[in-house]
Amino acid sequence: MQKITPAAIQELIDQLEQSRQSRLRAWQVLQRLRSILCQEAGCKIPAPPAKTFEAEGELLSDALTSSLRSKNAALESLIAASRAYKDAIDQISGVRPPTFASAHLRLLKALDRAQELLE
């Protein structure tokens, strides 16, 4: 049988404190992610039924998934509407303002970038 020394006990206490501090930091990171999701995505995330990493992680995962799906749907709708508008403008003959070409090019680049974000 091994003898339990004061040094061994202190080492266990130190390890326990390090573990506690690590869990506190991890919980703070989850709360920052919650805050960012609420602010940037405008979603309301309910409090977890129990203050556990699993429950909080599941709520944040669901909120992130829902938010990204919603943003992607909005981008897809904007892309479709912009492309339809571009096609309609292309069919109009006549004099266009001098800024048309650069605005048209910016629209096409923005549409391409939005499309890349969805892929």
PDB file of N, CA and C in Angstrom:
ATOM      1  N   MET A   1       0.843  -1.176   0.000  1.00  0.00           N
ATOM      2  CA  MET A   1       0.000   0.000   0.000  1.00  0.00           C
ATOM      3  C   MET A   1       0.885   1.235   0.000  1.00  0.00           C
ATOM      4  N   GLN A   2       0.479   2.224  -0.824  1.00  0.00           N
ATOM      5  CA  GLN A   2       1.247   3.462  -0.930  1.00  0.00           C
ATOM      6  C   GLN A   2       0.899   4.402   0.205  1.00  0.00           C
ATOM      7  N   LYS A   3       1.915   5.077   0.679  1.00  0.00           N
ATOM      8  CA  LYS A   3       1.713   6.035   1.761  1.00  0.00           C
ATOM      9  C   LYS A   3       1.249   7.366   1.156  1.00  0.00           C
ATOM     10  N   ILE A   4       0.218   7.949   1.728  1.00  0.00           N
ATOM     11  CA  ILE A   4      -0.289   9.237   1.271  1.00  0.00           C
ATOM     12  C   ILE A   4       0.469  10.325   2.021  1.00  0.00           C
ATOM     13  N   THR A   5       1.160  11.134   1.234  1.00  0.00           N
ATOM     14  CA  THR A   5       1.973  12.198   1.827  1.00  0.00           C
ATOM     15  C   THR A   5       1.266  13.533   1.665  1.00  0.00           C
ATOM     16  N   PRO A   6       1.628  14.504   2.485  1.00  0.00           N
ATOM     17  CA  PRO A   6       1.070  15.845   2.320  1.00  0.00           C
ATOM     18  C   PRO A   6       1.349  16.418   0.923  1.00  0.00           C
ATOM     19  N   ALA A   7       2.497  16.096   0.356  1.00  0.00           N
ATOM     20  CA  ALA A   7       2.826  16.581  -0.986  1.00  0.00           C
ATOM     21  C   ALA A   7       1.881  15.970  -2.030  1.00  0.00           C
ATOM     22  N   ALA A   8       1.554  14.697  -1.871  1.00  0.00           N
ATOM     23  CA  ALA A   8       0.640  14.038  -2.802  1.00  0.00           C
ATOM     24  C   ALA A   8      -0.763  14.632  -2.702  1.00  0.00           C
ATOM     25  N   ILE A   9      -1.161  14.911  -1.462  1.00  0.00           N
ATOM     26  CA  ILE A   9      -2.473  15.543  -1.257  1.00  0.00           C
ATOM     27  C   ILE A   9      -2.497  16.931  -1.891  1.00  0.00           C
ATOM     28  N   GLN A  10      -1.433  17.693  -1.700  1.00  0.00           N
ATOM     29  CA  GLN A  10      -1.367  19.035  -2.282  1.00  0.00           C
ATOM     30  C   GLN A  10      -1.383  18.972  -3.807  1.00  0.00           C
ATOM     31  N   GLU A  11      -0.705  17.972  -4.366  1.00  0.00           N
ATOM     32  CA  GLU A  11      -0.700  17.815  -5.826  1.00  0.00           C
ATOM     33  C   GLU A  11      -2.112  17.538  -6.340  1.00  0.00           C
ATOM     34  N   LEU A  12      -2.860  16.699  -5.644  1.00  0.00           N
ATOM     35  CA  LEU A  12      -4.249  16.421  -6.022  1.00  0.00           C
ATOM     36  C   LEU A  12      -5.115  17.680  -5.915  1.00  0.00           C
ATOM     37  N   ILE A  13      -4.910  18.452  -4.864  1.00  0.00           N
ATOM     38  CA  ILE A  13      -5.661  19.701  -4.690  1.00  0.00           C
ATOM     39  C   ILE A  13      -5.339  20.670  -5.820  1.00  0.00           C
ATOM     40  N   ASP A  14      -4.060  20.754  -6.183  1.00  0.00           N
ATOM     41  CA  ASP A  14      -3.652  21.642  -7.278  1.00  0.00           C
ATOM     42  C   ASP A  14      -4.284  21.200  -8.603  1.00  0.00           C
ATOM     43  N   GLN A  15      -4.288  19.894  -8.850  1.00  0.00           N
ATOM     44  CA  GLN A  15      -4.897  19.369 -10.073  1.00  0.00           C
ATOM     45  C   GLN A  15      -6.403  19.654 -10.102  1.00  0.00           C
ATOM     46  N   LEU A  16      -7.031  19.492  -8.967  1.00  0.00           N
ATOM     47  CA  LEU A  16      -8.463  19.773  -8.869  1.00  0.00           C
ATOM     48  C   LEU A  16      -8.758  21.242  -9.167  1.00  0.00           C
ATOM     49  N   GLU A  17      -7.941  22.131  -8.639  1.00  0.00           N
ATOM     50  CA  GLU A  17      -8.120  23.569  -8.880  1.00  0.00           C
ATOM     51  C   GLU A  17      -7.872  23.912 -10.349  1.00  0.00           C
ATOM     52  N   GLN A  18      -6.867  23.294 -10.947  1.00  0.00           N
ATOM     53  CA  GLN A  18      -6.603  23.527 -12.371  1.00  0.00           C
ATOM     54  C   GLN A  18      -7.790  23.054 -13.213  1.00  0.00           C
ATOM     55  N   SER A  19      -8.351  21.935 -12.858  1.00  0.00           N
ATOM     56  CA  SER A  19      -9.510  21.405 -13.572  1.00  0.00           C
ATOM     57  C   SER A  19     -10.706  22.344 -13.415  1.00  0.00           C
ATOM     58  N   ARG A  20     -10.916  22.846 -12.215  1.00  0.00           N
ATOM     59  CA  ARG A  20     -12.012  23.780 -11.966  1.00  0.00           C
ATOM     60  C   ARG A  20     -11.846  25.048 -12.786  1.00  0.00           C
ATOM     61  N   GLN A  21     -10.640  25.596 -12.822  1.00  0.00           N
ATOM     62  CA  GLN A  21     -10.361  26.804 -13.590  1.00  0.00           C
ATOM     63  C   GLN A  21     -10.570  26.561 -15.080  1.00  0.00           C
ATOM     64  N   SER A  22     -10.180  25.397 -15.538  1.00  0.00           N
ATOM     65  CA  SER A  22     -10.358  25.044 -16.946  1.00  0.00           C
ATOM     66  C   SER A  22     -11.842  24.993 -17.303  1.00  0.00           C
ATOM     67  N   ARG A  23     -12.644  24.380 -16.458  1.00  0.00           N
ATOM     68  CA  ARG A  23     -14.093  24.314 -16.698  1.00  0.00           C
ATOM     69  C   ARG A  23     -14.712  25.704 -16.688  1.00  0.00           C
ATOM     70  N   LEU A  24     -14.266  26.573 -15.789  1.00  0.00           N
ATOM     71  CA  LEU A  24     -14.785  27.948 -15.748  1.00  0.00           C
ATOM     72  C   LEU A  24     -14.453  28.694 -17.035  1.00  0.00           C
ATOM     73  N   ARG A  25     -13.226  28.531 -17.524  1.00  0.00           N
ATOM     74  CA  ARG A  25     -12.842  29.185 -18.783  1.00  0.00           C
ATOM     75  C   ARG A  25     -13.674  28.647 -19.945  1.00  0.00           C
ATOM     76  N   ALA A  26     -13.884  27.352 -19.977  1.00  0.00           N
ATOM     77  CA  ALA A  26     -14.678  26.747 -21.048  1.00  0.00           C
ATOM     78  C   ALA A  26     -16.115  27.270 -20.998  1.00  0.00           C
ATOM     79  N   TRP A  27     -16.679  27.392 -19.815  1.00  0.00           N
ATOM     80  CA  TRP A  27     -18.044  27.905 -19.679  1.00  0.00           C
ATOM     81  C   TRP A  27     -18.106  29.366 -20.140  1.00  0.00           C
ATOM     82  N   GLN A  28     -17.086  30.141 -19.817  1.00  0.00           N
ATOM     83  CA  GLN A  28     -17.044  31.533 -20.255  1.00  0.00           C
ATOM     84  C   GLN A  28     -16.987  31.633 -21.781  1.00  0.00           C
ATOM     85  N   VAL A  29     -16.254  30.736 -22.413  1.00  0.00           N
ATOM     86  CA  VAL A  29     -16.196  30.719 -23.880  1.00  0.00           C
ATOM     87  C   VAL A  29     -17.580  30.413 -24.445  1.00  0.00           C
ATOM     88  N   LEU A  30     -18.269  29.441 -23.884  1.00  0.00           N
ATOM     89  CA  LEU A  30     -19.621  29.127 -24.343  1.00  0.00           C
ATOM     90  C   LEU A  30     -20.546  30.341 -24.179  1.00  0.00           C
ATOM     91  N   GLN A  31     -20.388  31.075 -23.091  1.00  0.00           N
ATOM     92  CA  GLN A  31     -21.236  32.240 -22.870  1.00  0.00           C
ATOM     93  C   GLN A  31     -20.907  33.370 -23.852  1.00  0.00           C
ATOM     94  N   ARG A  32     -19.637  33.501 -24.217  1.00  0.00           N
ATOM     95  CA  ARG A  32     -19.278  34.490 -25.248  1.00  0.00           C
ATOM     96  C   ARG A  32     -19.883  34.101 -26.592  1.00  0.00           C
ATOM     97  N   LEU A  33     -19.832  32.809 -26.917  1.00  0.00           N
ATOM     98  CA  LEU A  33     -20.451  32.338 -28.158  1.00  0.00           C
ATOM     99  C   LEU A  33     -21.959  32.590 -28.141  1.00  0.00           C
ATOM    100  N   ARG A  34     -22.591  32.359 -27.008  1.00  0.00           N
ATOM    101  CA  ARG A  34     -24.029  32.625 -26.852  1.00  0.00           C
ATOM    102  C   ARG A  34     -24.306  34.102 -27.108  1.00  0.00           C
ATOM    103  N   SER A  35     -23.494  34.954 -26.514  1.00  0.00           N
ATOM    104  CA  SER A  35     -23.673  36.401 -26.662  1.00  0.00           C
ATOM    105  C   SER A  35     -23.507  36.837 -28.115  1.00  0.00           C
ATOM    106  N   ILE A  36     -22.486  36.318 -28.790  1.00  0.00           N
ATOM    107  CA  ILE A  36     -22.249  36.655 -30.193  1.00  0.00           C
ATOM    108  C   ILE A  36     -23.427  36.205 -31.053  1.00  0.00           C
ATOM    109  N   LEU A  37     -23.893  34.986 -30.834  1.00  0.00           N
ATOM    110  CA  LEU A  37     -25.033  34.487 -31.601  1.00  0.00           C
ATOM    111  C   LEU A  37     -26.268  35.357 -31.386  1.00  0.00           C
ATOM    112  N   CYS A  38     -26.517  35.718 -30.155  1.00  0.00           N
ATOM    113  CA  CYS A  38     -27.691  36.545 -29.853  1.00  0.00           C
ATOM    114  C   CYS A  38     -27.565  37.926 -30.488  1.00  0.00           C
ATOM    115  N   GLN A  39     -26.385  38.520 -30.421  1.00  0.00           N
ATOM    116  CA  GLN A  39     -26.190  39.865 -30.964  1.00  0.00           C
ATOM    117  C   GLN A  39     -26.159  39.861 -32.488  1.00  0.00           C
ATOM    118  N   GLU A  40     -25.370  38.994 -33.078  1.00  0.00           N
ATOM    119  CA  GLU A  40     -25.151  39.026 -34.518  1.00  0.00           C
ATOM    120  C   GLU A  40     -26.251  38.341 -35.313  1.00  0.00           C
ATOM    121  N   ALA A  41     -26.843  37.308 -34.770  1.00  0.00           N
ATOM    122  CA  ALA A  41     -27.878  36.580 -35.497  1.00  0.00           C
ATOM    123  C   ALA A  41     -29.272  37.002 -35.057  1.00  0.00           C
ATOM    124  N   GLY A  42     -29.323  37.774 -33.987  1.00  0.00           N
ATOM    125  CA  GLY A  42     -30.616  38.247 -33.507  1.00  0.00           C
ATOM    126  C   GLY A  42     -31.512  37.137 -32.985  1.00  0.00           C
ATOM    127  N   CYS A  43     -30.900  36.062 -32.534  1.00  0.00           N
ATOM    128  CA  CYS A  43     -31.727  34.963 -32.038  1.00  0.00           C
ATOM    129  C   CYS A  43     -31.782  34.984 -30.520  1.00  0.00           C
ATOM    130  N   LYS A  44     -32.827  34.425 -30.024  1.00  0.00           N
ATOM    131  CA  LYS A  44     -32.968  34.274 -28.578  1.00  0.00           C
ATOM    132  C   LYS A  44     -32.746  32.806 -28.259  1.00  0.00           C
ATOM    133  N   ILE A  45     -31.796  32.581 -27.385  1.00  0.00           N
ATOM    134  CA  ILE A  45     -31.459  31.206 -27.021  1.00  0.00           C
ATOM    135  C   ILE A  45     -31.939  30.986 -25.593  1.00  0.00           C
ATOM    136  N   PRO A  46     -32.792  29.991 -25.391  1.00  0.00           N
ATOM    137  CA  PRO A  46     -33.293  29.759 -24.030  1.00  0.00           C
ATOM    138  C   PRO A  46     -32.169  29.285 -23.100  1.00  0.00           C
ATOM    139  N   ALA A  47     -32.407  29.464 -21.831  1.00  0.00           N
ATOM    140  CA  ALA A  47     -31.454  28.956 -20.840  1.00  0.00           C
ATOM    141  C   ALA A  47     -31.505  27.434 -20.866  1.00  0.00           C
ATOM    142  N   PRO A  48     -30.372  26.791 -20.639  1.00  0.00           N
ATOM    143  CA  PRO A  48     -30.386  25.323 -20.634  1.00  0.00           C
ATOM    144  C   PRO A  48     -31.185  24.801 -19.443  1.00  0.00           C
ATOM    145  N   PRO A  49     -31.814  23.645 -19.600  1.00  0.00           N
ATOM    146  CA  PRO A  49     -32.581  23.080 -18.488  1.00  0.00           C
ATOM    147  C   PRO A  49     -31.683  22.746 -17.290  1.00  0.00           C
ATOM    148  N   ALA A  50     -30.434  22.452 -17.581  1.00  0.00           N
ATOM    149  CA  ALA A  50     -29.445  22.194 -16.528  1.00  0.00           C
ATOM    150  C   ALA A  50     -28.148  22.853 -16.965  1.00  0.00           C
ATOM    151  N   LYS A  51     -27.416  23.406 -16.026  1.00  0.00           N
ATOM    152  CA  LYS A  51     -26.166  24.082 -16.363  1.00  0.00           C
ATOM    153  C   LYS A  51     -25.069  23.043 -16.574  1.00  0.00           C
ATOM    154  N   THR A  52     -25.124  22.447 -17.781  1.00  0.00           N
ATOM    155  CA  THR A  52     -24.113  21.464 -18.147  1.00  0.00           C
ATOM    156  C   THR A  52     -23.544  21.852 -19.499  1.00  0.00           C
ATOM    157  N   PHE A  53     -22.341  21.397 -19.770  1.00  0.00           N
ATOM    158  CA  PHE A  53     -21.706  21.673 -21.053  1.00  0.00           C
ATOM    159  C   PHE A  53     -22.520  21.057 -22.186  1.00  0.00           C
ATOM    160  N   GLU A  54     -23.040  19.852 -21.966  1.00  0.00           N
ATOM    161  CA  GLU A  54     -23.812  19.176 -23.005  1.00  0.00           C
ATOM    162  C   GLU A  54     -25.079  19.957 -23.349  1.00  0.00           C
ATOM    163  N   ALA A  55     -25.814  20.383 -22.326  1.00  0.00           N
ATOM    164  CA  ALA A  55     -27.071  21.114 -22.566  1.00  0.00           C
ATOM    165  C   ALA A  55     -26.799  22.458 -23.238  1.00  0.00           C
ATOM    166  N   GLU A  56     -25.813  23.175 -22.748  1.00  0.00           N
ATOM    167  CA  GLU A  56     -25.479  24.489 -23.326  1.00  0.00           C
ATOM    168  C   GLU A  56     -24.966  24.317 -24.755  1.00  0.00           C
ATOM    169  N   GLY A  57     -24.129  23.339 -24.969  1.00  0.00           N
ATOM    170  CA  GLY A  57     -23.592  23.086 -26.305  1.00  0.00           C
ATOM    171  C   GLY A  57     -24.688  22.722 -27.297  1.00  0.00           C
ATOM    172  N   GLU A  58     -25.649  21.929 -26.870  1.00  0.00           N
ATOM    173  CA  GLU A  58     -26.762  21.540 -27.746  1.00  0.00           C
ATOM    174  C   GLU A  58     -27.599  22.763 -28.132  1.00  0.00           C
ATOM    175  N   LEU A  59     -27.889  23.626 -27.164  1.00  0.00           N
ATOM    176  CA  LEU A  59     -28.655  24.841 -27.452  1.00  0.00           C
ATOM    177  C   LEU A  59     -27.900  25.755 -28.417  1.00  0.00           C
ATOM    178  N   LEU A  60     -26.605  25.930 -28.184  1.00  0.00           N
ATOM    179  CA  LEU A  60     -25.809  26.790 -29.060  1.00  0.00           C
ATOM    180  C   LEU A  60     -25.692  26.185 -30.458  1.00  0.00           C
ATOM    181  N   SER A  61     -25.536  24.889 -30.538  1.00  0.00           N
ATOM    182  CA  SER A  61     -25.456  24.209 -31.825  1.00  0.00           C
ATOM    183  C   SER A  61     -26.754  24.390 -32.611  1.00  0.00           C
ATOM    184  N   ASP A  62     -27.887  24.210 -31.944  1.00  0.00           N
ATOM    185  CA  ASP A  62     -29.185  24.380 -32.604  1.00  0.00           C
ATOM    186  C   ASP A  62     -29.368  25.820 -33.079  1.00  0.00           C
ATOM    187  N   ALA A  63     -28.996  26.791 -32.239  1.00  0.00           N
ATOM    188  CA  ALA A  63     -29.143  28.203 -32.596  1.00  0.00           C
ATOM    189  C   ALA A  63     -28.234  28.563 -33.767  1.00  0.00           C
ATOM    190  N   LEU A  64     -27.017  28.064 -33.759  1.00  0.00           N
ATOM    191  CA  LEU A  64     -26.077  28.342 -34.851  1.00  0.00           C
ATOM    192  C   LEU A  64     -26.581  27.734 -36.162  1.00  0.00           C
ATOM    193  N   THR A  65     -27.033  26.500 -36.107  1.00  0.00           N
ATOM    194  CA  THR A  65     -27.553  25.834 -37.299  1.00  0.00           C
ATOM    195  C   THR A  65     -28.746  26.592 -37.867  1.00  0.00           C
ATOM    196  N   SER A  66     -29.672  26.959 -37.010  1.00  0.00           N
ATOM    197  CA  SER A  66     -30.855  27.701 -37.448  1.00  0.00           C
ATOM    198  C   SER A  66     -30.479  29.050 -38.045  1.00  0.00           C
ATOM    199  N   SER A  67     -29.554  29.729 -37.397  1.00  0.00           N
ATOM    200  CA  SER A  67     -29.118  31.047 -37.869  1.00  0.00           C
ATOM    201  C   SER A  67     -28.447  30.946 -39.230  1.00  0.00           C
ATOM    202  N   LEU A  68     -27.558  29.989 -39.399  1.00  0.00           N
ATOM    203  CA  LEU A  68     -26.864  29.831 -40.676  1.00  0.00           C
ATOM    204  C   LEU A  68     -27.830  29.433 -41.788  1.00  0.00           C
ATOM    205  N   ARG A  69     -28.770  28.573 -41.478  1.00  0.00           N
ATOM    206  CA  ARG A  69     -29.764  28.191 -42.490  1.00  0.00           C
ATOM    207  C   ARG A  69     -30.594  29.396 -42.914  1.00  0.00           C
ATOM    208  N   SER A  70     -30.977  30.209 -41.945  1.00  0.00           N
ATOM    209  CA  SER A  70     -31.765  31.409 -42.235  1.00  0.00           C
ATOM    210  C   SER A  70     -30.969  32.399 -43.077  1.00  0.00           C
ATOM    211  N   LYS A  71     -29.721  32.622 -42.712  1.00  0.00           N
ATOM    212  CA  LYS A  71     -28.859  33.541 -43.479  1.00  0.00           C
ATOM    213  C   LYS A  71     -28.637  33.010 -44.894  1.00  0.00           C
ATOM    214  N   ASN A  72     -28.416  31.711 -45.026  1.00  0.00           N
ATOM    215  CA  ASN A  72     -28.222  31.124 -46.354  1.00  0.00           C
ATOM    216  C   ASN A  72     -29.472  31.271 -47.212  1.00  0.00           C
ATOM    217  N   ALA A  73     -30.637  31.060 -46.611  1.00  0.00           N
ATOM    218  CA  ALA A  73     -31.888  31.217 -47.362  1.00  0.00           C
ATOM    219  C   ALA A  73     -32.055  32.667 -47.819  1.00  0.00           C
ATOM    220  N   ALA A  74     -31.699  33.608 -46.956  1.00  0.00           N
ATOM    221  CA  ALA A  74     -31.798  35.020 -47.323  1.00  0.00           C
ATOM    222  C   ALA A  74     -30.821  35.350 -48.454  1.00  0.00           C
ATOM    223  N   LEU A  75     -29.606  34.822 -48.375  1.00  0.00           N
ATOM    224  CA  LEU A  75     -28.636  35.043 -49.451  1.00  0.00           C
ATOM    225  C   LEU A  75     -29.120  34.446 -50.767  1.00  0.00           C
ATOM    226  N   GLU A  76     -29.647  33.236 -50.700  1.00  0.00           N
ATOM    227  CA  GLU A  76     -30.150  32.594 -51.912  1.00  0.00           C
ATOM    228  C   GLU A  76     -31.275  33.415 -52.542  1.00  0.00           C
ATOM    229  N   SER A  77     -32.158  33.924 -51.722  1.00  0.00           N
ATOM    230  CA  SER A  77     -33.261  34.754 -52.212  1.00  0.00           C
ATOM    231  C   SER A  77     -32.736  36.050 -52.826  1.00  0.00           C
ATOM    232  N   LEU A  78     -31.774  36.675 -52.169  1.00  0.00           N
ATOM    233  CA  LEU A  78     -31.184  37.912 -52.684  1.00  0.00           C
ATOM    234  C   LEU A  78     -30.464  37.662 -54.009  1.00  0.00           C
ATOM    235  N   ILE A  79     -29.753  36.570 -54.086  1.00  0.00           N
ATOM    236  CA  ILE A  79     -29.046  36.229 -55.330  1.00  0.00           C
ATOM    237  C   ILE A  79     -30.047  36.029 -56.466  1.00  0.00           C
ATOM    238  N   ALA A  80     -31.095  35.266 -56.205  1.00  0.00           N
ATOM    239  CA  ALA A  80     -32.096  35.009 -57.244  1.00  0.00           C
ATOM    240  C   ALA A  80     -32.763  36.311 -57.690  1.00  0.00           C
ATOM    241  N   ALA A  81     -33.134  37.157 -56.749  1.00  0.00           N
ATOM    242  CA  ALA A  81     -33.781  38.424 -57.091  1.00  0.00           C
ATOM    243  C   ALA A  81     -32.830  39.332 -57.856  1.00  0.00           C
ATOM    244  N   SER A  82     -31.576  39.382 -57.449  1.00  0.00           N
ATOM    245  CA  SER A  82     -30.593  40.236 -58.123  1.00  0.00           C
ATOM    246  C   SER A  82     -30.312  39.755 -59.529  1.00  0.00           C
ATOM    247  N   ARG A  83     -30.215  38.443 -59.705  1.00  0.00           N
ATOM    248  CA  ARG A  83     -29.977  37.909 -61.045  1.00  0.00           C
ATOM    249  C   ARG A  83     -31.188  38.174 -61.960  1.00  0.00           C
ATOM    250  N   ALA A  84     -32.393  38.045 -61.416  1.00  0.00           N
ATOM    251  CA  ALA A  84     -33.591  38.341 -62.202  1.00  0.00           C
ATOM    252  C   ALA A  84     -33.614  39.826 -62.580  1.00  0.00           C
ATOM    253  N   TYR A  85     -33.236  40.681 -61.646  1.00  0.00           N
ATOM    254  CA  TYR A  85     -33.183  42.126 -61.920  1.00  0.00           C
ATOM    255  C   TYR A  85     -32.131  42.416 -62.997  1.00  0.00           C
ATOM    256  N   LYS A  86     -30.970  41.780 -62.863  1.00  0.00           N
ATOM    257  CA  LYS A  86     -29.896  41.972 -63.842  1.00  0.00           C
ATOM    258  C   LYS A  86     -30.370  41.546 -65.231  1.00  0.00           C
ATOM    259  N   ASP A  87     -31.044  40.393 -65.308  1.00  0.00           N
ATOM    260  CA  ASP A  87     -31.557  39.920 -66.600  1.00  0.00           C
ATOM    261  C   ASP A  87     -32.569  40.905 -67.184  1.00  0.00           C
ATOM    262  N   ALA A  88     -33.418  41.451 -66.340  1.00  0.00           N
ATOM    263  CA  ALA A  88     -34.412  42.422 -66.810  1.00  0.00           C
ATOM    264  C   ALA A  88     -33.732  43.689 -67.312  1.00  0.00           C
ATOM    265  N   ILE A  89     -32.722  44.168 -66.592  1.00  0.00           N
ATOM    266  CA  ILE A  89     -31.984  45.374 -66.992  1.00  0.00           C
ATOM    267  C   ILE A  89     -31.267  45.130 -68.324  1.00  0.00           C
ATOM    268  N   ASP A  90     -30.722  43.930 -68.483  1.00  0.00           N
ATOM    269  CA  ASP A  90     -29.995  43.604 -69.718  1.00  0.00           C
ATOM    270  C   ASP A  90     -30.908  43.659 -70.947  1.00  0.00           C
ATOM    271  N   GLN A  91     -32.199  43.465 -70.752  1.00  0.00           N
ATOM    272  CA  GLN A  91     -33.132  43.472 -71.876  1.00  0.00           C
ATOM    273  C   GLN A  91     -33.591  44.881 -72.249  1.00  0.00           C
ATOM    274  N   ILE A  92     -33.335  45.839 -71.371  1.00  0.00           N
ATOM    275  CA  ILE A  92     -33.745  47.222 -71.641  1.00  0.00           C
ATOM    276  C   ILE A  92     -32.713  47.860 -72.560  1.00  0.00           C
ATOM    277  N   SER A  93     -33.218  48.385 -73.671  1.00  0.00           N
ATOM    278  CA  SER A  93     -32.304  49.090 -74.563  1.00  0.00           C
ATOM    279  C   SER A  93     -32.456  50.584 -74.296  1.00  0.00           C
ATOM    280  N   GLY A  94     -31.462  51.298 -74.645  1.00  0.00           N
ATOM    281  CA  GLY A  94     -31.520  52.738 -74.437  1.00  0.00           C
ATOM    282  C   GLY A  94     -30.275  53.231 -73.743  1.00  0.00           C
ATOM    283  N   VAL A  95     -30.305  54.480 -73.444  1.00  0.00           N
ATOM    284  CA  VAL A  95     -29.145  55.133 -72.834  1.00  0.00           C
ATOM    285  C   VAL A  95     -29.116  54.815 -71.342  1.00  0.00           C
ATOM    286  N   ARG A  96     -27.962  54.415 -70.895  1.00  0.00           N
ATOM    287  CA  ARG A  96     -27.769  54.124 -69.466  1.00  0.00           C
ATOM    288  C   ARG A  96     -26.860  55.183 -68.883  1.00  0.00           C
ATOM    289  N   PRO A  97     -27.032  55.464 -67.607  1.00  0.00           N
ATOM    290  CA  PRO A  97     -26.171  56.476 -66.984  1.00  0.00           C
ATOM    291  C   PRO A  97     -24.708  56.034 -67.003  1.00  0.00           C
ATOM    292  N   PRO A  98     -23.768  56.991 -66.907  1.00  0.00           N
ATOM    293  CA  PRO A  98     -22.346  56.645 -66.968  1.00  0.00           C
ATOM    294  C   PRO A  98     -21.900  55.713 -65.843  1.00  0.00           C
ATOM    295  N   THR A  99     -22.607  55.702 -64.751  1.00  0.00           N
ATOM    296  CA  THR A  99     -22.216  54.850 -63.619  1.00  0.00           C
ATOM    297  C   THR A  99     -22.750  53.425 -63.755  1.00  0.00           C
ATOM    298  N   PHE A 100     -23.546  53.172 -64.784  1.00  0.00           N
ATOM    299  CA  PHE A 100     -24.179  51.858 -64.926  1.00  0.00           C
ATOM    300  C   PHE A 100     -23.155  50.734 -65.016  1.00  0.00           C
ATOM    301  N   ALA A 101     -22.145  50.898 -65.851  1.00  0.00           N
ATOM    302  CA  ALA A 101     -21.176  49.811 -66.071  1.00  0.00           C
ATOM    303  C   ALA A 101     -20.477  49.412 -64.775  1.00  0.00           C
ATOM    304  N   SER A 102     -20.024  50.387 -64.002  1.00  0.00           N
ATOM    305  CA  SER A 102     -19.325  50.039 -62.752  1.00  0.00           C
ATOM    306  C   SER A 102     -20.292  49.457 -61.730  1.00  0.00           C
ATOM    307  N   ALA A 103     -21.526  49.975 -61.680  1.00  0.00           N
ATOM    308  CA  ALA A 103     -22.523  49.425 -60.753  1.00  0.00           C
ATOM    309  C   ALA A 103     -22.881  47.996 -61.153  1.00  0.00           C
ATOM    310  N   HIS A 104     -23.001  47.772 -62.436  1.00  0.00           N
ATOM    311  CA  HIS A 104     -23.309  46.438 -62.957  1.00  0.00           C
ATOM    312  C   HIS A 104     -22.185  45.458 -62.600  1.00  0.00           C
ATOM    313  N   LEU A 105     -20.961  45.874 -62.778  1.00  0.00           N
ATOM    314  CA  LEU A 105     -19.815  45.033 -62.449  1.00  0.00           C
ATOM    315  C   LEU A 105     -19.761  44.729 -60.946  1.00  0.00           C
ATOM    316  N   ARG A 106     -20.018  45.746 -60.113  1.00  0.00           N
ATOM    317  CA  ARG A 106     -20.034  45.525 -58.656  1.00  0.00           C
ATOM    318  C   ARG A 106     -21.127  44.535 -58.267  1.00  0.00           C
ATOM    319  N   LEU A 107     -22.293  44.651 -58.915  1.00  0.00           N
ATOM    320  CA  LEU A 107     -23.384  43.718 -58.640  1.00  0.00           C
ATOM    321  C   LEU A 107     -22.975  42.289 -58.996  1.00  0.00           C
ATOM    322  N   LEU A 108     -22.360  42.117 -60.148  1.00  0.00           N
ATOM    323  CA  LEU A 108     -21.943  40.775 -60.565  1.00  0.00           C
ATOM    324  C   LEU A 108     -20.905  40.196 -59.605  1.00  0.00           C
ATOM    325  N   LYS A 109     -19.956  41.007 -59.181  1.00  0.00           N
ATOM    326  CA  LYS A 109     -18.934  40.529 -58.233  1.00  0.00           C
ATOM    327  C   LYS A 109     -19.562  40.178 -56.890  1.00  0.00           C
ATOM    328  N   ALA A 110     -20.491  41.016 -56.436  1.00  0.00           N
ATOM    329  CA  ALA A 110     -21.168  40.747 -55.161  1.00  0.00           C
ATOM    330  C   ALA A 110     -21.994  39.467 -55.242  1.00  0.00           C
ATOM    331  N   LEU A 111     -22.643  39.267 -56.358  1.00  0.00           N
ATOM    332  CA  LEU A 111     -23.419  38.036 -56.539  1.00  0.00           C
ATOM    333  C   LEU A 111     -22.517  36.805 -56.534  1.00  0.00           C
ATOM    334  N   ASP A 112     -21.389  36.912 -57.217  1.00  0.00           N
ATOM    335  CA  ASP A 112     -20.438  35.789 -57.231  1.00  0.00           C
ATOM    336  C   ASP A 112     -19.927  35.495 -55.824  1.00  0.00           C
ATOM    337  N   ARG A 113     -19.605  36.540 -55.072  1.00  0.00           N
ATOM    338  CA  ARG A 113     -19.101  36.344 -53.704  1.00  0.00           C
ATOM    339  C   ARG A 113     -20.173  35.725 -52.813  1.00  0.00           C
ATOM    340  N   ALA A 114     -21.408  36.190 -52.937  1.00  0.00           N
ATOM    341  CA  ALA A 114     -22.504  35.614 -52.156  1.00  0.00           C
ATOM    342  C   ALA A 114     -22.706  34.147 -52.519  1.00  0.00           C
ATOM    343  N   GLN A 115     -22.601  33.849 -53.803  1.00  0.00           N
ATOM    344  CA  GLN A 115     -22.754  32.464 -54.254  1.00  0.00           C
ATOM    345  C   GLN A 115     -21.627  31.598 -53.679  1.00  0.00           C
ATOM    346  N   GLU A 116     -20.419  32.113 -53.631  1.00  0.00           N
ATOM    347  CA  GLU A 116     -19.291  31.366 -53.048  1.00  0.00           C
ATOM    348  C   GLU A 116     -19.524  31.071 -51.577  1.00  0.00           C
ATOM    349  N   LEU A 117     -20.126  31.996 -50.852  1.00  0.00           N
ATOM    350  CA  LEU A 117     -20.400  31.791 -49.438  1.00  0.00           C
ATOM    351  C   LEU A 117     -21.395  30.660 -49.200  1.00  0.00           C
ATOM    352  N   LEU A 118     -22.251  30.437 -50.164  1.00  0.00           N
ATOM    353  CA  LEU A 118     -23.264  29.378 -50.031  1.00  0.00           C
ATOM    354  C   LEU A 118     -22.728  28.018 -50.423  1.00  0.00           C
ATOM    355  N   GLU A 119     -21.616  27.968 -51.109  1.00  0.00           N
ATOM    356  CA  GLU A 119     -21.094  26.679 -51.583  1.00  0.00           C
ATOM    357  C   GLU A 119     -20.199  26.027 -50.567  1.00  0.00           C
TER     358      GLU A 119
END
